């Protein structure tokens, strides 16, 4: 039973970590593309 509980907790932790990583990458990508557009507008 302990192995099952540890496995469930481990998988849940991995899901939370992956979701957090995806969220961070998406926000960073949006910010990066916004900065790229702004720099292009300044040069043109």
N, C-alpha and C. Protein backbone atom coordinates (compact mmCIF):
# COMPACT_ATOMS: atom_id res chain seq x y z
N UNK A 1 0.83 -1.21 0.00
CA UNK A 1 0.00 0.00 0.00
C UNK A 1 0.87 1.26 0.00
N UNK A 2 1.98 1.22 0.74
CA UNK A 2 2.84 2.41 0.81
C UNK A 2 3.36 2.77 -0.58
N UNK A 3 3.75 1.76 -1.35
CA UNK A 3 4.28 2.03 -2.70
C UNK A 3 3.24 2.76 -3.54
N UNK A 4 1.97 2.35 -3.44
CA UNK A 4 0.91 2.97 -4.22
C UNK A 4 0.74 4.43 -3.80
N UNK A 5 0.76 4.68 -2.50
CA UNK A 5 0.59 6.06 -2.01
C UNK A 5 1.75 6.93 -2.48
N UNK A 6 2.97 6.41 -2.37
CA UNK A 6 4.14 7.18 -2.81
C UNK A 6 4.05 7.43 -4.32
N UNK A 7 3.63 6.43 -5.06
CA UNK A 7 3.51 6.58 -6.52
C UNK A 7 2.49 7.65 -6.86
N UNK A 8 1.34 7.65 -6.16
CA UNK A 8 0.30 8.64 -6.44
C UNK A 8 0.82 10.03 -6.11
N UNK A 9 1.49 10.18 -4.96
CA UNK A 9 2.01 11.48 -4.57
C UNK A 9 3.09 11.92 -5.57
N UNK A 10 3.94 11.00 -6.00
CA UNK A 10 5.00 11.33 -6.96
C UNK A 10 4.42 11.79 -8.28
N UNK A 11 3.42 11.06 -8.78
CA UNK A 11 2.82 11.44 -10.06
C UNK A 11 2.12 12.79 -9.94
N UNK A 12 1.46 13.02 -8.81
CA UNK A 12 0.78 14.30 -8.60
C UNK A 12 1.80 15.43 -8.57
N UNK A 13 2.94 15.19 -7.89
CA UNK A 13 3.98 16.22 -7.84
C UNK A 13 4.53 16.50 -9.23
N UNK A 14 4.73 15.46 -10.03
CA UNK A 14 5.25 15.63 -11.39
C UNK A 14 4.26 16.42 -12.24
N UNK A 15 2.96 16.14 -12.08
CA UNK A 15 1.94 16.87 -12.84
C UNK A 15 1.98 18.35 -12.48
N UNK A 16 2.10 18.65 -11.17
CA UNK A 16 2.15 20.04 -10.73
C UNK A 16 3.40 20.72 -11.29
N UNK A 17 4.55 20.02 -11.23
CA UNK A 17 5.80 20.60 -11.73
C UNK A 17 5.70 20.88 -13.23
N UNK A 18 5.19 19.91 -13.99
CA UNK A 18 5.07 20.08 -15.44
C UNK A 18 4.13 21.24 -15.76
N UNK A 19 3.01 21.33 -15.05
CA UNK A 19 2.06 22.42 -15.29
C UNK A 19 2.71 23.76 -15.00
N UNK A 20 3.46 23.83 -13.90
CA UNK A 20 4.13 25.09 -13.54
C UNK A 20 5.15 25.46 -14.62
N UNK A 21 5.90 24.47 -15.11
CA UNK A 21 6.91 24.73 -16.15
C UNK A 21 6.24 25.25 -17.42
N UNK A 22 5.14 24.62 -17.83
CA UNK A 22 4.44 25.05 -19.04
C UNK A 22 3.93 26.48 -18.86
N UNK A 23 3.38 26.78 -17.67
CA UNK A 23 2.86 28.12 -17.41
C UNK A 23 3.98 29.15 -17.47
N UNK A 24 5.13 28.82 -16.86
CA UNK A 24 6.26 29.76 -16.88
C UNK A 24 6.78 29.96 -18.29
N UNK A 25 6.91 28.88 -19.05
CA UNK A 25 7.42 28.98 -20.41
C UNK A 25 6.48 29.82 -21.27
N UNK A 26 5.16 29.63 -21.10
CA UNK A 26 4.18 30.39 -21.89
C UNK A 26 4.27 31.87 -21.56
N UNK A 27 4.31 32.21 -20.28
CA UNK A 27 4.37 33.63 -19.89
C UNK A 27 5.67 34.25 -20.38
N UNK A 28 6.78 33.51 -20.28
CA UNK A 28 8.06 34.04 -20.73
C UNK A 28 8.05 34.24 -22.25
N UNK A 29 7.45 33.28 -22.97
CA UNK A 29 7.39 33.38 -24.43
C UNK A 29 6.55 34.58 -24.86
N UNK A 30 5.43 34.79 -24.18
CA UNK A 30 4.58 35.95 -24.52
C UNK A 30 5.34 37.24 -24.28
N UNK A 31 6.03 37.34 -23.13
CA UNK A 31 6.79 38.54 -22.81
C UNK A 31 7.89 38.75 -23.84
N UNK A 32 8.55 37.66 -24.24
CA UNK A 32 9.66 37.75 -25.20
C UNK A 32 9.16 38.24 -26.56
N UNK A 33 8.05 37.66 -27.03
CA UNK A 33 7.52 38.08 -28.34
C UNK A 33 7.06 39.53 -28.27
N UNK A 34 6.50 39.95 -27.14
CA UNK A 34 6.05 41.34 -27.00
C UNK A 34 7.27 42.27 -27.09
N UNK A 35 8.36 41.91 -26.44
CA UNK A 35 9.57 42.73 -26.49
C UNK A 35 10.13 42.77 -27.91
N UNK A 36 10.08 41.64 -28.62
CA UNK A 36 10.58 41.59 -30.00
C UNK A 36 9.77 42.55 -30.88
N UNK A 37 8.45 42.52 -30.74
CA UNK A 37 7.60 43.41 -31.55
C UNK A 37 7.91 44.86 -31.24
N UNK A 38 8.09 45.16 -29.92
CA UNK A 38 8.37 46.55 -29.53
C UNK A 38 9.69 47.03 -30.14
N UNK A 39 10.72 46.17 -30.11
CA UNK A 39 12.02 46.56 -30.68
C UNK A 39 11.90 46.77 -32.18
N UNK A 40 11.09 45.95 -32.84
CA UNK A 40 10.90 46.11 -34.29
C UNK A 40 10.20 47.43 -34.58
N UNK A 41 9.22 47.79 -33.77
CA UNK A 41 8.51 49.05 -33.98
C UNK A 41 9.46 50.24 -33.79
N UNK A 42 10.37 50.14 -32.85
CA UNK A 42 11.31 51.24 -32.60
C UNK A 42 12.26 51.42 -33.78
N UNK A 43 12.73 50.31 -34.35
CA UNK A 43 13.70 50.42 -35.45
C UNK A 43 13.04 50.93 -36.72
N UNK A 44 11.80 50.53 -36.96
CA UNK A 44 11.12 50.94 -38.20
C UNK A 44 10.67 52.40 -38.14
